[in-house]
Amino acid sequence: MTVGERIKKIRQDNAISQTDLANACKISKQTLYKYENNIITNIPSDKIELIADYLSVSPALIMGWEDKEQAVPLPQTNVFMRPVYDSISAGFGVIAQDVPVDYMPTYITCPSEQDKYIWINVHGDSMSPLIDDGSKILVKKQPSVDSGQIAAVLVDDEEAVVKKVLYNDNTVELHSVNPYYPPRVFKNNDVTRVQILGLVKEVSKSLQ
């Protein structure tokens, strides 16, 4: 069942009209119709939260991450639906394809900073075993990190990677956890080729 189909079923099960739900979520009835019939599939996270709140269910249920019969209520405080991107470049708007592929409920201690947090699907093993291929990382967008922290980094305005960042005198080093990958060292004027996009705050690994 799709996200739109779940919205429609829960709405109908609770005898709620499209008009009432649309008005409560500050969208048009036509937009809700497009949600429910999969014409619009990338539903904004704030609308998912409004729809879930009005239908008295969790956003995770709307997204299909929990079964209604076995649903465990999510914490009602400081949990926000944050977008998941399929590449670092997409998540930071480095390339044109910046549409989220999913949303994840995320606990954020400072609600005013929720828009700074995004999830990224990780491809490759350069940071394994700390961050395995297929993992998701939660990144807080910020322009700098401390030496030794793991960050999303842009190199030469085109290559976005996840690396441990080390600072020395006039030097920036990007280190992989996997020893198969040698460090990348940028010295003197070359340090300007490296731009910090955000700090990796959390890693979510699949158990399958």
C-alpha atoms as a PDB file:
ATOM      1  CA  MET A   1       0.000   0.000   0.000  1.00  0.00           C
ATOM      2  CA  THR A   2       1.322   3.429  -0.950  1.00  0.00           C
ATOM      3  CA  VAL A   3       1.501   6.488   1.305  1.00  0.00           C
ATOM      4  CA  GLY A   4      -1.452   8.014  -0.532  1.00  0.00           C
ATOM      5  CA  GLU A   5      -3.501   4.837  -0.235  1.00  0.00           C
ATOM      6  CA  ARG A   6      -2.823   4.689   3.516  1.00  0.00           C
ATOM      7  CA  ILE A   7      -3.943   8.294   3.928  1.00  0.00           C
ATOM      8  CA  LYS A   8      -7.145   7.567   2.025  1.00  0.00           C
ATOM      9  CA  LYS A   9      -7.899   4.363   3.956  1.00  0.00           C
ATOM     10  CA  ILE A  10      -7.307   5.905   7.383  1.00  0.00           C
ATOM     11  CA  ARG A  11      -9.367   8.955   6.421  1.00  0.00           C
ATOM     12  CA  GLN A  12     -12.264   6.826   5.193  1.00  0.00           C
ATOM     13  CA  ASP A  13     -12.059   4.457   8.181  1.00  0.00           C
ATOM     14  CA  ASN A  14     -12.552   7.493  10.416  1.00  0.00           C
ATOM     15  CA  ALA A  15     -15.365   8.925   8.263  1.00  0.00           C
ATOM     16  CA  ILE A  16     -13.392  12.104   7.577  1.00  0.00           C
ATOM     17  CA  SER A  17     -14.146  13.964   4.372  1.00  0.00           C
ATOM     18  CA  GLN A  18     -11.484  15.090   1.936  1.00  0.00           C
ATOM     19  CA  THR A  19     -12.600  18.675   2.493  1.00  0.00           C
ATOM     20  CA  ASP A  20     -12.168  18.497   6.277  1.00  0.00           C
ATOM     21  CA  LEU A  21      -8.734  16.889   6.067  1.00  0.00           C
ATOM     22  CA  ALA A  22      -7.567  19.278   3.339  1.00  0.00           C
ATOM     23  CA  ASN A  23      -8.695  22.328   5.312  1.00  0.00           C
ATOM     24  CA  ALA A  24      -7.014  21.069   8.493  1.00  0.00           C
ATOM     25  CA  CYS A  25      -3.739  20.566   6.627  1.00  0.00           C
ATOM     26  CA  LYS A  26      -3.943  23.885   4.772  1.00  0.00           C
ATOM     27  CA  ILE A  27      -3.968  22.325   1.315  1.00  0.00           C
ATOM     28  CA  SER A  28      -6.567  22.245  -1.430  1.00  0.00           C
ATOM     29  CA  LYS A  29      -8.977  19.357  -1.862  1.00  0.00           C
ATOM     30  CA  GLN A  30      -7.410  18.815  -5.289  1.00  0.00           C
ATOM     31  CA  THR A  31      -3.945  18.462  -3.732  1.00  0.00           C
ATOM     32  CA  LEU A  32      -5.232  15.919  -1.216  1.00  0.00           C
ATOM     33  CA  TYR A  33      -6.859  14.015  -4.072  1.00  0.00           C
ATOM     34  CA  LYS A  34      -3.464  13.917  -5.813  1.00  0.00           C
ATOM     35  CA  TYR A  35      -1.818  12.635  -2.616  1.00  0.00           C
ATOM     36  CA  GLU A  36      -4.378   9.865  -2.168  1.00  0.00           C
ATOM     37  CA  ASN A  37      -4.246   8.775  -5.809  1.00  0.00           C
ATOM     38  CA  ASN A  38      -0.439   8.798  -6.130  1.00  0.00           C
ATOM     39  CA  ILE A  39      -0.371  11.690  -8.576  1.00  0.00           C
ATOM     40  CA  ILE A  40       1.879  13.483  -6.100  1.00  0.00           C
ATOM     41  CA  THR A  41       4.169  10.968  -4.380  1.00  0.00           C
ATOM     42  CA  ASN A  42       6.791  13.211  -2.756  1.00  0.00           C
ATOM     43  CA  ILE A  43       4.542  14.602  -0.055  1.00  0.00           C
ATOM     44  CA  PRO A  44       6.295  17.301   2.020  1.00  0.00           C
ATOM     45  CA  SER A  45       7.236  16.175   5.515  1.00  0.00           C
ATOM     46  CA  ASP A  46       5.307  19.002   7.175  1.00  0.00           C
ATOM     47  CA  LYS A  47       2.131  17.891   5.382  1.00  0.00           C
ATOM     48  CA  ILE A  48       2.704  14.278   6.477  1.00  0.00           C
ATOM     49  CA  GLU A  49       2.905  15.511  10.068  1.00  0.00           C
ATOM     50  CA  LEU A  50      -0.300  17.590   9.729  1.00  0.00           C
ATOM     51  CA  ILE A  51      -2.196  14.730   8.100  1.00  0.00           C
ATOM     52  CA  ALA A  52      -1.019  12.243  10.743  1.00  0.00           C
ATOM     53  CA  ASP A  53      -1.948  14.629  13.555  1.00  0.00           C
ATOM     54  CA  TYR A  54      -5.467  15.212  12.211  1.00  0.00           C
ATOM     55  CA  LEU A  55      -5.990  11.477  11.639  1.00  0.00           C
ATOM     56  CA  SER A  56      -4.654  10.730  15.165  1.00  0.00           C
ATOM     57  CA  VAL A  57      -1.938   8.373  13.941  1.00  0.00           C
ATOM     58  CA  SER A  58       1.854   8.572  13.859  1.00  0.00           C
ATOM     59  CA  PRO A  59       3.728   9.830  10.780  1.00  0.00           C
ATOM     60  CA  ALA A  60       5.487   6.447  10.727  1.00  0.00           C
ATOM     61  CA  LEU A  61       2.139   4.712  10.181  1.00  0.00           C
ATOM     62  CA  ILE A  62       1.345   7.028   7.292  1.00  0.00           C
ATOM     63  CA  MET A  63       4.753   6.242   5.751  1.00  0.00           C
ATOM     64  CA  GLY A  64       4.231   2.494   6.251  1.00  0.00           C
ATOM     65  CA  TRP A  65       6.998   1.948   8.799  1.00  0.00           C
ATOM     66  CA  GLU A  66       4.759   0.403  11.445  1.00  0.00           C
ATOM     67  CA  ASP A  67       1.740  -1.887  11.492  1.00  0.00           C
ATOM     68  CA  LYS A  68      -1.469  -0.335  12.784  1.00  0.00           C
ATOM     69  CA  GLU A  69      -2.291  -3.326  14.955  1.00  0.00           C
ATOM     70  CA  GLN A  70       1.148  -3.391  16.538  1.00  0.00           C
ATOM     71  CA  ALA A  71       1.920   0.295  16.411  1.00  0.00           C
ATOM     72  CA  VAL A  72       4.012   1.737  19.194  1.00  0.00           C
ATOM     73  CA  PRO A  73       3.321   5.451  19.556  1.00  0.00           C
ATOM     74  CA  LEU A  74       6.245   7.671  18.687  1.00  0.00           C
ATOM     75  CA  PRO A  75       7.350  10.260  21.208  1.00  0.00           C
ATOM     76  CA  GLN A  76       5.172  13.291  20.714  1.00  0.00           C
ATOM     77  CA  THR A  77       7.941  15.770  21.486  1.00  0.00           C
ATOM     78  CA  ASN A  78      10.893  16.677  19.270  1.00  0.00           C
ATOM     79  CA  VAL A  79      10.211  14.005  16.623  1.00  0.00           C
ATOM     80  CA  PHE A  80      10.164  15.317  13.073  1.00  0.00           C
ATOM     81  CA  MET A  81       9.871  13.714   9.646  1.00  0.00           C
ATOM     82  CA  ARG A  82      13.168  14.480   7.933  1.00  0.00           C
ATOM     83  CA  PRO A  83      13.898  13.784   4.261  1.00  0.00           C
ATOM     84  CA  VAL A  84      16.076  10.954   2.998  1.00  0.00           C
ATOM     85  CA  TYR A  85      18.226  11.607  -0.080  1.00  0.00           C
ATOM     86  CA  ASP A  86      19.873   8.995  -2.255  1.00  0.00           C
ATOM     87  CA  SER A  87      23.199  10.823  -2.474  1.00  0.00           C
ATOM     88  CA  ILE A  88      25.084  13.498  -0.585  1.00  0.00           C
ATOM     89  CA  SER A  89      25.091  15.728  -3.654  1.00  0.00           C
ATOM     90  CA  ALA A  90      21.313  15.526  -3.976  1.00  0.00           C
ATOM     91  CA  GLY A  91      20.786  16.233  -0.294  1.00  0.00           C
ATOM     92  CA  PHE A  92      22.772  19.436  -0.408  1.00  0.00           C
ATOM     93  CA  GLY A  93      21.524  20.693  -3.750  1.00  0.00           C
ATOM     94  CA  VAL A  94      24.942  20.229  -5.376  1.00  0.00           C
ATOM     95  CA  ILE A  95      23.203  18.616  -8.336  1.00  0.00           C
ATOM     96  CA  ALA A  96      19.755  19.245  -9.771  1.00  0.00           C
ATOM     97  CA  GLN A  97      18.245  16.011  -8.439  1.00  0.00           C
ATOM     98  CA  ASP A  98      17.378  17.107  -4.909  1.00  0.00           C
ATOM     99  CA  VAL A  99      14.003  15.379  -4.405  1.00  0.00           C
ATOM    100  CA  PRO A 100      13.820  13.188  -1.262  1.00  0.00           C
ATOM    101  CA  VAL A 101      13.323   9.472  -1.837  1.00  0.00           C
ATOM    102  CA  ASP A 102      11.785   8.908   1.606  1.00  0.00           C
ATOM    103  CA  TYR A 103      11.230  10.412   5.062  1.00  0.00           C
ATOM    104  CA  MET A 104      12.323   9.175   8.486  1.00  0.00           C
ATOM    105  CA  PRO A 105      11.005  10.091  11.940  1.00  0.00           C
ATOM    106  CA  THR A 106      13.921  11.761  13.673  1.00  0.00           C
ATOM    107  CA  TYR A 107      14.430  12.873  17.254  1.00  0.00           C
ATOM    108  CA  ILE A 108      15.904  16.383  17.284  1.00  0.00           C
ATOM    109  CA  THR A 109      16.719  18.021  20.605  1.00  0.00           C
ATOM    110  CA  CYS A 110      16.358  21.581  19.298  1.00  0.00           C
ATOM    111  CA  PRO A 111      13.113  21.891  17.271  1.00  0.00           C
ATOM    112  CA  SER A 112      14.129  25.252  15.806  1.00  0.00           C
ATOM    113  CA  GLU A 113      17.001  23.492  14.012  1.00  0.00           C
ATOM    114  CA  GLN A 114      14.955  20.680  12.452  1.00  0.00           C
ATOM    115  CA  ASP A 115      15.428  22.028   8.915  1.00  0.00           C
ATOM    116  CA  LYS A 116      19.188  21.576   9.264  1.00  0.00           C
ATOM    117  CA  TYR A 117      18.879  17.775   9.523  1.00  0.00           C
ATOM    118  CA  ILE A 118      18.694  15.380   6.580  1.00  0.00           C
ATOM    119  CA  TRP A 119      19.309  11.659   6.038  1.00  0.00           C
ATOM    120  CA  ILE A 120      21.596  10.361   3.291  1.00  0.00           C
ATOM    121  CA  ASN A 121      21.729   6.844   1.845  1.00  0.00           C
ATOM    122  CA  VAL A 122      25.364   5.712   1.878  1.00  0.00           C
ATOM    123  CA  HIS A 123      26.842   3.952  -1.146  1.00  0.00           C
ATOM    124  CA  GLY A 124      30.292   2.356  -0.983  1.00  0.00           C
ATOM    125  CA  ASP A 125      32.540   0.912   1.701  1.00  0.00           C
ATOM    126  CA  SER A 126      35.182   3.611   2.256  1.00  0.00           C
ATOM    127  CA  MET A 127      33.847   4.293   5.772  1.00  0.00           C
ATOM    128  CA  SER A 128      33.176   0.640   6.650  1.00  0.00           C
ATOM    129  CA  PRO A 129      32.800  -0.843   9.233  1.00  0.00           C
ATOM    130  CA  LEU A 130      31.706   2.377  10.942  1.00  0.00           C
ATOM    131  CA  ILE A 131      29.370   3.313   8.105  1.00  0.00           C
ATOM    132  CA  ASP A 132      28.535   0.350   5.882  1.00  0.00           C
ATOM    133  CA  ASP A 133      27.281   0.340   2.312  1.00  0.00           C
ATOM    134  CA  GLY A 134      23.483   0.675   2.508  1.00  0.00           C
ATOM    135  CA  SER A 135      23.486   2.558   5.815  1.00  0.00           C
ATOM    136  CA  LYS A 136      21.780   5.878   6.358  1.00  0.00           C
ATOM    137  CA  ILE A 137      23.521   8.812   7.990  1.00  0.00           C
ATOM    138  CA  LEU A 138      21.868  11.732   9.738  1.00  0.00           C
ATOM    139  CA  VAL A 139      23.672  14.940   8.810  1.00  0.00           C
ATOM    140  CA  LYS A 140      23.326  18.353  10.411  1.00  0.00           C
ATOM    141  CA  LYS A 141      24.018  21.053   7.856  1.00  0.00           C
ATOM    142  CA  GLN A 142      26.820  23.309   9.084  1.00  0.00           C
ATOM    143  CA  PRO A 143      29.860  24.949   7.469  1.00  0.00           C
ATOM    144  CA  SER A 144      32.536  23.617   9.833  1.00  0.00           C
ATOM    145  CA  VAL A 145      33.421  20.664  12.084  1.00  0.00           C
ATOM    146  CA  ASP A 146      36.121  19.981  14.666  1.00  0.00           C
ATOM    147  CA  SER A 147      39.254  18.051  13.751  1.00  0.00           C
ATOM    148  CA  GLY A 148      38.594  14.318  14.019  1.00  0.00           C
ATOM    149  CA  GLN A 149      34.861  14.541  13.347  1.00  0.00           C
ATOM    150  CA  ILE A 150      33.103  12.798  10.454  1.00  0.00           C
ATOM    151  CA  ALA A 151      31.514  15.118   7.955  1.00  0.00           C
ATOM    152  CA  ALA A 152      29.824  15.405   4.596  1.00  0.00           C
ATOM    153  CA  VAL A 153      32.417  17.182   2.481  1.00  0.00           C
ATOM    154  CA  LEU A 154      32.391  18.761  -0.975  1.00  0.00           C
ATOM    155  CA  VAL A 155      35.630  18.613  -2.990  1.00  0.00           C
ATOM    156  CA  ASP A 156      36.193  20.913  -5.968  1.00  0.00           C
ATOM    157  CA  ASP A 157      32.516  21.961  -5.900  1.00  0.00           C
ATOM    158  CA  GLU A 158      31.476  18.680  -7.504  1.00  0.00           C
ATOM    159  CA  GLU A 159      32.448  15.567  -5.495  1.00  0.00           C
ATOM    160  CA  ALA A 160      30.516  15.031  -2.257  1.00  0.00           C
ATOM    161  CA  VAL A 161      31.908  12.447   0.158  1.00  0.00           C
ATOM    162  CA  VAL A 162      31.730  11.309   3.796  1.00  0.00           C
ATOM    163  CA  LYS A 163      35.121  11.400   5.533  1.00  0.00           C
ATOM    164  CA  LYS A 164      36.856  11.966   8.848  1.00  0.00           C
ATOM    165  CA  VAL A 165      38.286  15.489   8.714  1.00  0.00           C
ATOM    166  CA  LEU A 166      41.688  16.226  10.269  1.00  0.00           C
ATOM    167  CA  TYR A 167      43.231  19.684  10.452  1.00  0.00           C
ATOM    168  CA  ASN A 168      46.969  20.377  10.708  1.00  0.00           C
ATOM    169  CA  ASP A 169      49.056  23.455   9.942  1.00  0.00           C
ATOM    170  CA  ASN A 170      47.808  24.711   6.557  1.00  0.00           C
ATOM    171  CA  THR A 171      46.545  21.206   5.809  1.00  0.00           C
ATOM    172  CA  VAL A 172      43.179  19.456   5.588  1.00  0.00           C
ATOM    173  CA  GLU A 173      43.164  15.652   5.490  1.00  0.00           C
ATOM    174  CA  LEU A 174      40.173  13.515   4.528  1.00  0.00           C
ATOM    175  CA  HIS A 175      40.423  10.026   5.982  1.00  0.00           C
ATOM    176  CA  SER A 176      38.428   6.892   5.267  1.00  0.00           C
ATOM    177  CA  VAL A 177      37.819   4.313   7.997  1.00  0.00           C
ATOM    178  CA  ASN A 178      38.489   1.469   5.550  1.00  0.00           C
ATOM    179  CA  PRO A 179      42.327   1.197   5.345  1.00  0.00           C
ATOM    180  CA  TYR A 180      42.061   0.206   1.681  1.00  0.00           C
ATOM    181  CA  TYR A 181      41.409   3.872   0.874  1.00  0.00           C
ATOM    182  CA  PRO A 182      44.396   6.212   1.391  1.00  0.00           C
ATOM    183  CA  PRO A 183      43.933   9.664   2.956  1.00  0.00           C
ATOM    184  CA  ARG A 184      43.451  12.660   0.716  1.00  0.00           C
ATOM    185  CA  VAL A 185      45.657  15.574   1.743  1.00  0.00           C
ATOM    186  CA  PHE A 186      45.084  19.193   0.764  1.00  0.00           C
ATOM    187  CA  LYS A 187      47.842  21.677   1.574  1.00  0.00           C
ATOM    188  CA  ASN A 188      48.180  25.443   1.543  1.00  0.00           C
ATOM    189  CA  ASN A 189      45.962  26.998  -1.150  1.00  0.00           C
ATOM    190  CA  ASP A 190      44.455  23.603  -1.985  1.00  0.00           C
ATOM    191  CA  VAL A 191      42.546  23.612   1.312  1.00  0.00           C
ATOM    192  CA  THR A 192      40.038  25.933  -0.388  1.00  0.00           C
ATOM    193  CA  ARG A 193      39.036  22.975  -2.575  1.00  0.00           C
ATOM    194  CA  VAL A 194      37.429  21.403   0.501  1.00  0.00           C
ATOM    195  CA  GLN A 195      34.051  22.652   1.738  1.00  0.00           C
ATOM    196  CA  ILE A 196      32.327  21.243   4.825  1.00  0.00           C
ATOM    197  CA  LEU A 197      28.631  20.577   4.164  1.00  0.00           C
ATOM    198  CA  GLY A 198      27.575  19.109   7.480  1.00  0.00           C
ATOM    199  CA  LEU A 199      28.381  16.991  10.534  1.00  0.00           C
ATOM    200  CA  VAL A 200      27.425  13.311  10.640  1.00  0.00           C
ATOM    201  CA  LYS A 201      25.358  12.946  13.813  1.00  0.00           C
ATOM    202  CA  GLU A 202      23.970   9.409  13.596  1.00  0.00           C
ATOM    203  CA  VAL A 203      24.284   6.186  11.593  1.00  0.00           C
ATOM    204  CA  SER A 204      21.335   3.890  10.896  1.00  0.00           C
ATOM    205  CA  LYS A 205      22.322   0.402   9.724  1.00  0.00           C
ATOM    206  CA  SER A 206      20.125  -2.284   8.221  1.00  0.00           C
ATOM    207  CA  LEU A 207      20.155  -5.617  10.045  1.00  0.00           C
ATOM    208  CA  GLN A 208      19.368  -7.537   6.872  1.00  0.00           C
END
